[in-house]
């Protein structure tokens, strides 16, 4: 996601011809987009994306269980 943000910023600066980015080659301006594609390919191929999704799911499940346990313990008092 950082690559896309940087790429968009560079693209806007290049099109508006602002700052030193106006002098950069288009290859440098488009490089962050290519890096984002490579990152997404690697993340999907290595299982990183599914692993992070599973970790997020497990964290939410554990928080939900803790809230329910606290609610049950609160009723018993």
PDB file of N, CA and C in Angstrom:
ATOM      1  N   UNK A   1       0.815  -1.186   0.000  1.00  0.00           N
ATOM      2  CA  UNK A   1       0.000   0.000   0.000  1.00  0.00           C
ATOM      3  C   UNK A   1       0.866   1.261   0.000  1.00  0.00           C
ATOM      4  N   UNK A   2       2.010   1.170   0.662  1.00  0.00           N
ATOM      5  CA  UNK A   2       2.915   2.316   0.673  1.00  0.00           C
ATOM      6  C   UNK A   2       3.417   2.622  -0.731  1.00  0.00           C
ATOM      7  N   UNK A   3       3.678   1.563  -1.499  1.00  0.00           N
ATOM      8  CA  UNK A   3       4.153   1.777  -2.870  1.00  0.00           C
ATOM      9  C   UNK A   3       3.115   2.542  -3.691  1.00  0.00           C
ATOM     10  N   UNK A   4       1.848   2.212  -3.512  1.00  0.00           N
ATOM     11  CA  UNK A   4       0.801   2.920  -4.259  1.00  0.00           C
ATOM     12  C   UNK A   4       0.714   4.380  -3.850  1.00  0.00           C
ATOM     13  N   UNK A   5       0.820   4.637  -2.569  1.00  0.00           N
ATOM     14  CA  UNK A   5       0.783   6.023  -2.093  1.00  0.00           C
ATOM     15  C   UNK A   5       1.930   6.844  -2.645  1.00  0.00           C
ATOM     16  N   UNK A   6       3.122   6.275  -2.586  1.00  0.00           N
ATOM     17  CA  UNK A   6       4.302   6.967  -3.119  1.00  0.00           C
ATOM     18  C   UNK A   6       4.160   7.161  -4.629  1.00  0.00           C
ATOM     19  N   UNK A   7       3.684   6.110  -5.312  1.00  0.00           N
ATOM     20  CA  UNK A   7       3.497   6.198  -6.759  1.00  0.00           C
ATOM     21  C   UNK A   7       2.509   7.281  -7.146  1.00  0.00           C
ATOM     22  N   UNK A   8       1.398   7.347  -6.425  1.00  0.00           N
ATOM     23  CA  UNK A   8       0.385   8.382  -6.721  1.00  0.00           C
ATOM     24  C   UNK A   8       0.947   9.779  -6.486  1.00  0.00           C
ATOM     25  N   UNK A   9       1.674   9.932  -5.397  1.00  0.00           N
ATOM     26  CA  UNK A   9       2.278  11.234  -5.102  1.00  0.00           C
ATOM     27  C   UNK A   9       3.261  11.636  -6.206  1.00  0.00           C
ATOM     28  N   UNK A  10       4.141  10.726  -6.594  1.00  0.00           N
ATOM     29  CA  UNK A  10       5.105  11.025  -7.659  1.00  0.00           C
ATOM     30  C   UNK A  10       4.399  11.327  -8.979  1.00  0.00           C
ATOM     31  N   UNK A  11       3.351  10.567  -9.271  1.00  0.00           N
ATOM     32  CA  UNK A  11       2.609  10.777 -10.513  1.00  0.00           C
ATOM     33  C   UNK A  11       1.974  12.165 -10.547  1.00  0.00           C
ATOM     34  N   UNK A  12       1.363  12.555  -9.448  1.00  0.00           N
ATOM     35  CA  UNK A  12       0.737  13.886  -9.380  1.00  0.00           C
ATOM     36  C   UNK A  12       1.791  14.979  -9.536  1.00  0.00           C
ATOM     37  N   UNK A  13       2.921  14.822  -8.825  1.00  0.00           N
ATOM     38  CA  UNK A  13       3.981  15.828  -8.932  1.00  0.00           C
ATOM     39  C   UNK A  13       4.551  15.895 -10.346  1.00  0.00           C
ATOM     40  N   UNK A  14       4.664  14.745 -11.003  1.00  0.00           N
ATOM     41  CA  UNK A  14       5.203  14.713 -12.367  1.00  0.00           C
ATOM     42  C   UNK A  14       4.233  15.389 -13.347  1.00  0.00           C
ATOM     43  N   UNK A  15       2.957  15.075 -13.239  1.00  0.00           N
ATOM     44  CA  UNK A  15       1.963  15.643 -14.157  1.00  0.00           C
ATOM     45  C   UNK A  15       1.848  17.151 -13.960  1.00  0.00           C
ATOM     46  N   UNK A  16       1.889  17.586 -12.703  1.00  0.00           N
ATOM     47  CA  UNK A  16       1.789  19.017 -12.424  1.00  0.00           C
ATOM     48  C   UNK A  16       3.132  19.734 -12.576  1.00  0.00           C
ATOM     49  N   UNK A  17       4.173  18.980 -12.850  1.00  0.00           N
ATOM     50  CA  UNK A  17       5.532  19.500 -13.038  1.00  0.00           C
ATOM     51  C   UNK A  17       5.972  20.336 -11.838  1.00  0.00           C
ATOM     52  N   UNK A  18       5.845  19.754 -10.651  1.00  0.00           N
ATOM     53  CA  UNK A  18       6.234  20.418  -9.424  1.00  0.00           C
ATOM     54  C   UNK A  18       7.519  19.814  -8.870  1.00  0.00           C
ATOM     55  N   UNK A  19       8.380  20.670  -8.364  1.00  0.00           N
ATOM     56  CA  UNK A  19       9.589  20.227  -7.676  1.00  0.00           C
ATOM     57  C   UNK A  19      10.534  19.447  -8.554  1.00  0.00           C
ATOM     58  N   UNK A  20      11.453  18.735  -7.913  1.00  0.00           N
ATOM     59  CA  UNK A  20      12.460  17.973  -8.662  1.00  0.00           C
ATOM     60  C   UNK A  20      11.868  16.766  -9.391  1.00  0.00           C
ATOM     61  N   UNK A  21      10.667  16.374  -9.028  1.00  0.00           N
ATOM     62  CA  UNK A  21      10.040  15.221  -9.689  1.00  0.00           C
ATOM     63  C   UNK A  21       9.766  15.537 -11.160  1.00  0.00           C
ATOM     64  N   UNK A  22       9.562  16.773 -11.477  1.00  0.00           N
ATOM     65  CA  UNK A  22       9.299  17.154 -12.870  1.00  0.00           C
ATOM     66  C   UNK A  22      10.466  16.785 -13.775  1.00  0.00           C
ATOM     67  N   UNK A  23      11.677  16.732 -13.226  1.00  0.00           N
ATOM     68  CA  UNK A  23      12.859  16.403 -14.017  1.00  0.00           C
ATOM     69  C   UNK A  23      13.128  14.901 -14.089  1.00  0.00           C
ATOM     70  N   UNK A  24      12.433  14.118 -13.252  1.00  0.00           N
ATOM     71  CA  UNK A  24      12.660  12.670 -13.241  1.00  0.00           C
ATOM     72  C   UNK A  24      12.121  12.016 -14.504  1.00  0.00           C
ATOM     73  N   UNK A  25      12.734  10.907 -14.852  1.00  0.00           N
ATOM     74  CA  UNK A  25      12.235  10.111 -15.961  1.00  0.00           C
ATOM     75  C   UNK A  25      10.923   9.453 -15.546  1.00  0.00           C
ATOM     76  N   UNK A  26      10.082   9.161 -16.546  1.00  0.00           N
ATOM     77  CA  UNK A  26       8.830   8.482 -16.251  1.00  0.00           C
ATOM     78  C   UNK A  26       9.082   7.108 -15.650  1.00  0.00           C
ATOM     79  N   UNK A  27      10.204   6.481 -15.953  1.00  0.00           N
ATOM     80  CA  UNK A  27      10.525   5.163 -15.389  1.00  0.00           C
ATOM     81  C   UNK A  27      10.605   5.234 -13.864  1.00  0.00           C
ATOM     82  N   UNK A  28      11.205   6.283 -13.339  1.00  0.00           N
ATOM     83  CA  UNK A  28      11.315   6.438 -11.888  1.00  0.00           C
ATOM     84  C   UNK A  28       9.958   6.717 -11.253  1.00  0.00           C
ATOM     85  N   UNK A  29       9.133   7.455 -11.975  1.00  0.00           N
ATOM     86  CA  UNK A  29       7.809   7.791 -11.447  1.00  0.00           C
ATOM     87  C   UNK A  29       6.912   6.551 -11.403  1.00  0.00           C
ATOM     88  N   UNK A  30       7.044   5.679 -12.385  1.00  0.00           N
ATOM     89  CA  UNK A  30       6.209   4.491 -12.453  1.00  0.00           C
ATOM     90  C   UNK A  30       6.764   3.304 -11.659  1.00  0.00           C
ATOM     91  N   UNK A  31       8.004   3.396 -11.206  1.00  0.00           N
ATOM     92  CA  UNK A  31       8.635   2.298 -10.474  1.00  0.00           C
ATOM     93  C   UNK A  31       7.849   1.851  -9.238  1.00  0.00           C
ATOM     94  N   UNK A  32       7.316   2.747  -8.410  1.00  0.00           N
ATOM     95  CA  UNK A  32       6.555   2.273  -7.244  1.00  0.00           C
ATOM     96  C   UNK A  32       5.338   1.412  -7.607  1.00  0.00           C
ATOM     97  N   UNK A  33       4.715   1.684  -8.747  1.00  0.00           N
ATOM     98  CA  UNK A  33       3.582   0.859  -9.171  1.00  0.00           C
ATOM     99  C   UNK A  33       4.053  -0.548  -9.533  1.00  0.00           C
ATOM    100  N   UNK A  34       5.182  -0.649 -10.194  1.00  0.00           N
ATOM    101  CA  UNK A  34       5.744  -1.964 -10.521  1.00  0.00           C
ATOM    102  C   UNK A  34       6.124  -2.708  -9.243  1.00  0.00           C
ATOM    103  N   UNK A  35       6.685  -1.987  -8.284  1.00  0.00           N
ATOM    104  CA  UNK A  35       7.047  -2.615  -7.012  1.00  0.00           C
ATOM    105  C   UNK A  35       5.807  -3.096  -6.258  1.00  0.00           C
ATOM    106  N   UNK A  36       4.705  -2.371  -6.370  1.00  0.00           N
ATOM    107  CA  UNK A  36       3.458  -2.803  -5.731  1.00  0.00           C
ATOM    108  C   UNK A  36       2.962  -4.107  -6.349  1.00  0.00           C
ATOM    109  N   UNK A  37       3.059  -4.231  -7.656  1.00  0.00           N
ATOM    110  CA  UNK A  37       2.646  -5.466  -8.331  1.00  0.00           C
ATOM    111  C   UNK A  37       3.527  -6.630  -7.876  1.00  0.00           C
ATOM    112  N   UNK A  38       4.829  -6.406  -7.802  1.00  0.00           N
ATOM    113  CA  UNK A  38       5.748  -7.447  -7.342  1.00  0.00           C
ATOM    114  C   UNK A  38       5.428  -7.836  -5.901  1.00  0.00           C
ATOM    115  N   UNK A  39       5.161  -6.864  -5.048  1.00  0.00           N
ATOM    116  CA  UNK A  39       4.820  -7.135  -3.657  1.00  0.00           C
ATOM    117  C   UNK A  39       3.547  -7.984  -3.559  1.00  0.00           C
ATOM    118  N   UNK A  40       2.513  -7.603  -4.308  1.00  0.00           N
ATOM    119  CA  UNK A  40       1.266  -8.367  -4.253  1.00  0.00           C
ATOM    120  C   UNK A  40       1.471  -9.783  -4.753  1.00  0.00           C
ATOM    121  N   UNK A  41       2.251  -9.949  -5.812  1.00  0.00           N
ATOM    122  CA  UNK A  41       2.521 -11.292  -6.330  1.00  0.00           C
ATOM    123  C   UNK A  41       3.227 -12.126  -5.265  1.00  0.00           C
ATOM    124  N   UNK A  42       4.263 -11.547  -4.644  1.00  0.00           N
ATOM    125  CA  UNK A  42       5.004 -12.283  -3.617  1.00  0.00           C
ATOM    126  C   UNK A  42       4.106 -12.604  -2.416  1.00  0.00           C
ATOM    127  N   UNK A  43       3.307 -11.649  -1.970  1.00  0.00           N
ATOM    128  CA  UNK A  43       2.446 -11.847  -0.804  1.00  0.00           C
ATOM    129  C   UNK A  43       1.443 -12.969  -1.051  1.00  0.00           C
ATOM    130  N   UNK A  44       0.892 -13.024  -2.248  1.00  0.00           N
ATOM    131  CA  UNK A  44      -0.066 -14.090  -2.556  1.00  0.00           C
ATOM    132  C   UNK A  44       0.636 -15.430  -2.752  1.00  0.00           C
ATOM    133  N   UNK A  45       1.773 -15.424  -3.428  1.00  0.00           N
ATOM    134  CA  UNK A  45       2.483 -16.675  -3.711  1.00  0.00           C
ATOM    135  C   UNK A  45       3.088 -17.297  -2.452  1.00  0.00           C
ATOM    136  N   UNK A  46       3.525 -16.478  -1.513  1.00  0.00           N
ATOM    137  CA  UNK A  46       4.181 -16.998  -0.314  1.00  0.00           C
ATOM    138  C   UNK A  46       3.200 -17.364   0.797  1.00  0.00           C
ATOM    139  N   UNK A  47       1.943 -16.983   0.660  1.00  0.00           N
ATOM    140  CA  UNK A  47       0.959 -17.250   1.698  1.00  0.00           C
ATOM    141  C   UNK A  47       0.895 -16.165   2.746  1.00  0.00           C
ATOM    142  N   UNK A  48       1.627 -15.096   2.551  1.00  0.00           N
ATOM    143  CA  UNK A  48       1.649 -13.991   3.515  1.00  0.00           C
ATOM    144  C   UNK A  48       0.252 -13.403   3.713  1.00  0.00           C
ATOM    145  N   UNK A  49      -0.476 -13.217   2.634  1.00  0.00           N
ATOM    146  CA  UNK A  49      -1.802 -12.608   2.700  1.00  0.00           C
ATOM    147  C   UNK A  49      -2.752 -13.465   3.533  1.00  0.00           C
ATOM    148  N   UNK A  50      -2.768 -14.768   3.267  1.00  0.00           N
ATOM    149  CA  UNK A  50      -3.657 -15.650   4.018  1.00  0.00           C
ATOM    150  C   UNK A  50      -3.238 -15.746   5.477  1.00  0.00           C
ATOM    151  N   UNK A  51      -1.946 -15.749   5.728  1.00  0.00           N
ATOM    152  CA  UNK A  51      -1.449 -15.826   7.104  1.00  0.00           C
ATOM    153  C   UNK A  51      -1.872 -14.590   7.896  1.00  0.00           C
ATOM    154  N   UNK A  52      -1.739 -13.404   7.287  1.00  0.00           N
ATOM    155  CA  UNK A  52      -2.149 -12.169   7.966  1.00  0.00           C
ATOM    156  C   UNK A  52      -3.667 -12.152   8.191  1.00  0.00           C
ATOM    157  N   UNK A  53      -4.430 -12.623   7.219  1.00  0.00           N
ATOM    158  CA  UNK A  53      -5.884 -12.672   7.373  1.00  0.00           C
ATOM    159  C   UNK A  53      -6.253 -13.626   8.507  1.00  0.00           C
ATOM    160  N   UNK A  54      -5.571 -14.745   8.580  1.00  0.00           N
ATOM    161  CA  UNK A  54      -5.827 -15.713   9.649  1.00  0.00           C
ATOM    162  C   UNK A  54      -5.467 -15.130  11.016  1.00  0.00           C
ATOM    163  N   UNK A  55      -4.360 -14.414  11.100  1.00  0.00           N
ATOM    164  CA  UNK A  55      -3.965 -13.773  12.356  1.00  0.00           C
ATOM    165  C   UNK A  55      -5.003 -12.741  12.794  1.00  0.00           C
ATOM    166  N   UNK A  56      -5.508 -11.953  11.851  1.00  0.00           N
ATOM    167  CA  UNK A  56      -6.538 -10.959  12.171  1.00  0.00           C
ATOM    168  C   UNK A  56      -7.812 -11.640  12.662  1.00  0.00           C
ATOM    169  N   UNK A  57      -8.194 -12.732  11.985  1.00  0.00           N
ATOM    170  CA  UNK A  57      -9.384 -13.468  12.387  1.00  0.00           C
ATOM    171  C   UNK A  57      -9.211 -14.039  13.791  1.00  0.00           C
ATOM    172  N   UNK A  58      -8.052 -14.626  14.064  1.00  0.00           N
ATOM    173  CA  UNK A  58      -7.785 -15.200  15.384  1.00  0.00           C
ATOM    174  C   UNK A  58      -7.804 -14.129  16.473  1.00  0.00           C
ATOM    175  N   UNK A  59      -7.258 -12.965  16.179  1.00  0.00           N
ATOM    176  CA  UNK A  59      -7.240 -11.877  17.154  1.00  0.00           C
ATOM    177  C   UNK A  59      -8.661 -11.423  17.476  1.00  0.00           C
ATOM    178  N   UNK A  60      -9.477 -11.238  16.442  1.00  0.00           N
ATOM    179  CA  UNK A  60     -10.864 -10.820  16.660  1.00  0.00           C
ATOM    180  C   UNK A  60     -11.645 -11.889  17.429  1.00  0.00           C
ATOM    181  N   UNK A  61     -11.406 -13.163  17.095  1.00  0.00           N
ATOM    182  CA  UNK A  61     -12.078 -14.252  17.795  1.00  0.00           C
ATOM    183  C   UNK A  61     -11.704 -14.255  19.277  1.00  0.00           C
ATOM    184  N   UNK A  62     -10.419 -14.103  19.570  1.00  0.00           N
ATOM    185  CA  UNK A  62      -9.967 -14.094  20.961  1.00  0.00           C
ATOM    186  C   UNK A  62     -10.539 -12.909  21.735  1.00  0.00           C
ATOM    187  N   UNK A  63     -10.610 -11.737  21.089  1.00  0.00           N
ATOM    188  CA  UNK A  63     -11.205 -10.567  21.743  1.00  0.00           C
ATOM    189  C   UNK A  63     -12.691 -10.785  22.008  1.00  0.00           C
ATOM    190  N   UNK A  64     -13.384 -11.390  21.051  1.00  0.00           N
ATOM    191  CA  UNK A  64     -14.803 -11.673  21.217  1.00  0.00           C
ATOM    192  C   UNK A  64     -15.020 -12.661  22.368  1.00  0.00           C
ATOM    193  N   UNK A  65     -14.194 -13.680  22.432  1.00  0.00           N
ATOM    194  CA  UNK A  65     -14.301 -14.654  23.522  1.00  0.00           C
ATOM    195  C   UNK A  65     -14.039 -14.003  24.873  1.00  0.00           C
ATOM    196  N   UNK A  66     -13.053 -13.128  24.938  1.00  0.00           N
ATOM    197  CA  UNK A  66     -12.739 -12.447  26.198  1.00  0.00           C
ATOM    198  C   UNK A  66     -13.899 -11.563  26.635  1.00  0.00           C
ATOM    199  N   UNK A  67     -14.527 -10.842  25.689  1.00  0.00           N
ATOM    200  CA  UNK A  67     -15.677  -9.995  26.022  1.00  0.00           C
ATOM    201  C   UNK A  67     -16.837 -10.839  26.548  1.00  0.00           C
ATOM    202  N   UNK A  68     -17.086 -11.963  25.899  1.00  0.00           N
ATOM    203  CA  UNK A  68     -18.178 -12.831  26.343  1.00  0.00           C
ATOM    204  C   UNK A  68     -17.882 -13.418  27.720  1.00  0.00           C
ATOM    205  N   UNK A  69     -16.645 -13.808  27.942  1.00  0.00           N
ATOM    206  CA  UNK A  69     -16.281 -14.353  29.244  1.00  0.00           C
ATOM    207  C   UNK A  69     -16.444 -13.301  30.334  1.00  0.00           C
ATOM    208  N   UNK A  70     -16.013 -12.075  30.043  1.00  0.00           N
ATOM    209  CA  UNK A  70     -16.179 -10.985  31.006  1.00  0.00           C
ATOM    210  C   UNK A  70     -17.658 -10.718  31.288  1.00  0.00           C
ATOM    211  N   UNK A  71     -18.485 -10.808  30.250  1.00  0.00           N
ATOM    212  CA  UNK A  71     -19.921 -10.578  30.426  1.00  0.00           C
ATOM    213  C   UNK A  71     -20.533 -11.679  31.296  1.00  0.00           C
ATOM    214  N   UNK A  72     -20.114 -12.901  31.066  1.00  0.00           N
ATOM    215  CA  UNK A  72     -20.619 -14.024  31.869  1.00  0.00           C
ATOM    216  C   UNK A  72     -20.141 -13.894  33.307  1.00  0.00           C
ATOM    217  N   UNK A  73     -18.885 -13.569  33.512  1.00  0.00           N
ATOM    218  CA  UNK A  73     -18.345 -13.408  34.866  1.00  0.00           C
ATOM    219  C   UNK A  73     -19.018 -12.254  35.589  1.00  0.00           C
ATOM    220  N   UNK A  74     -19.408 -11.227  34.884  1.00  0.00           N
ATOM    221  CA  UNK A  74     -20.084 -10.082  35.484  1.00  0.00           C
ATOM    222  C   UNK A  74     -21.469 -10.435  35.982  1.00  0.00           C
ATOM    223  N   UNK A  75     -22.154 -11.349  35.310  1.00  0.00           N
ATOM    224  CA  UNK A  75     -23.484 -11.770  35.716  1.00  0.00           C
ATOM    225  C   UNK A  75     -23.456 -12.645  36.964  1.00  0.00           C
ATOM    226  N   UNK A  76     -22.376 -13.363  37.159  1.00  0.00           N
ATOM    227  CA  UNK A  76     -22.268 -14.294  38.281  1.00  0.00           C
ATOM    228  C   UNK A  76     -22.035 -13.593  39.604  1.00  0.00           C
ATOM    229  N   UNK A  77     -21.584 -12.394  39.584  1.00  0.00           N
ATOM    230  CA  UNK A  77     -21.255 -11.682  40.829  1.00  0.00           C
ATOM    231  C   UNK A  77     -22.465 -11.172  41.512  1.00  0.00           C
TER     232      UNK A  77
END
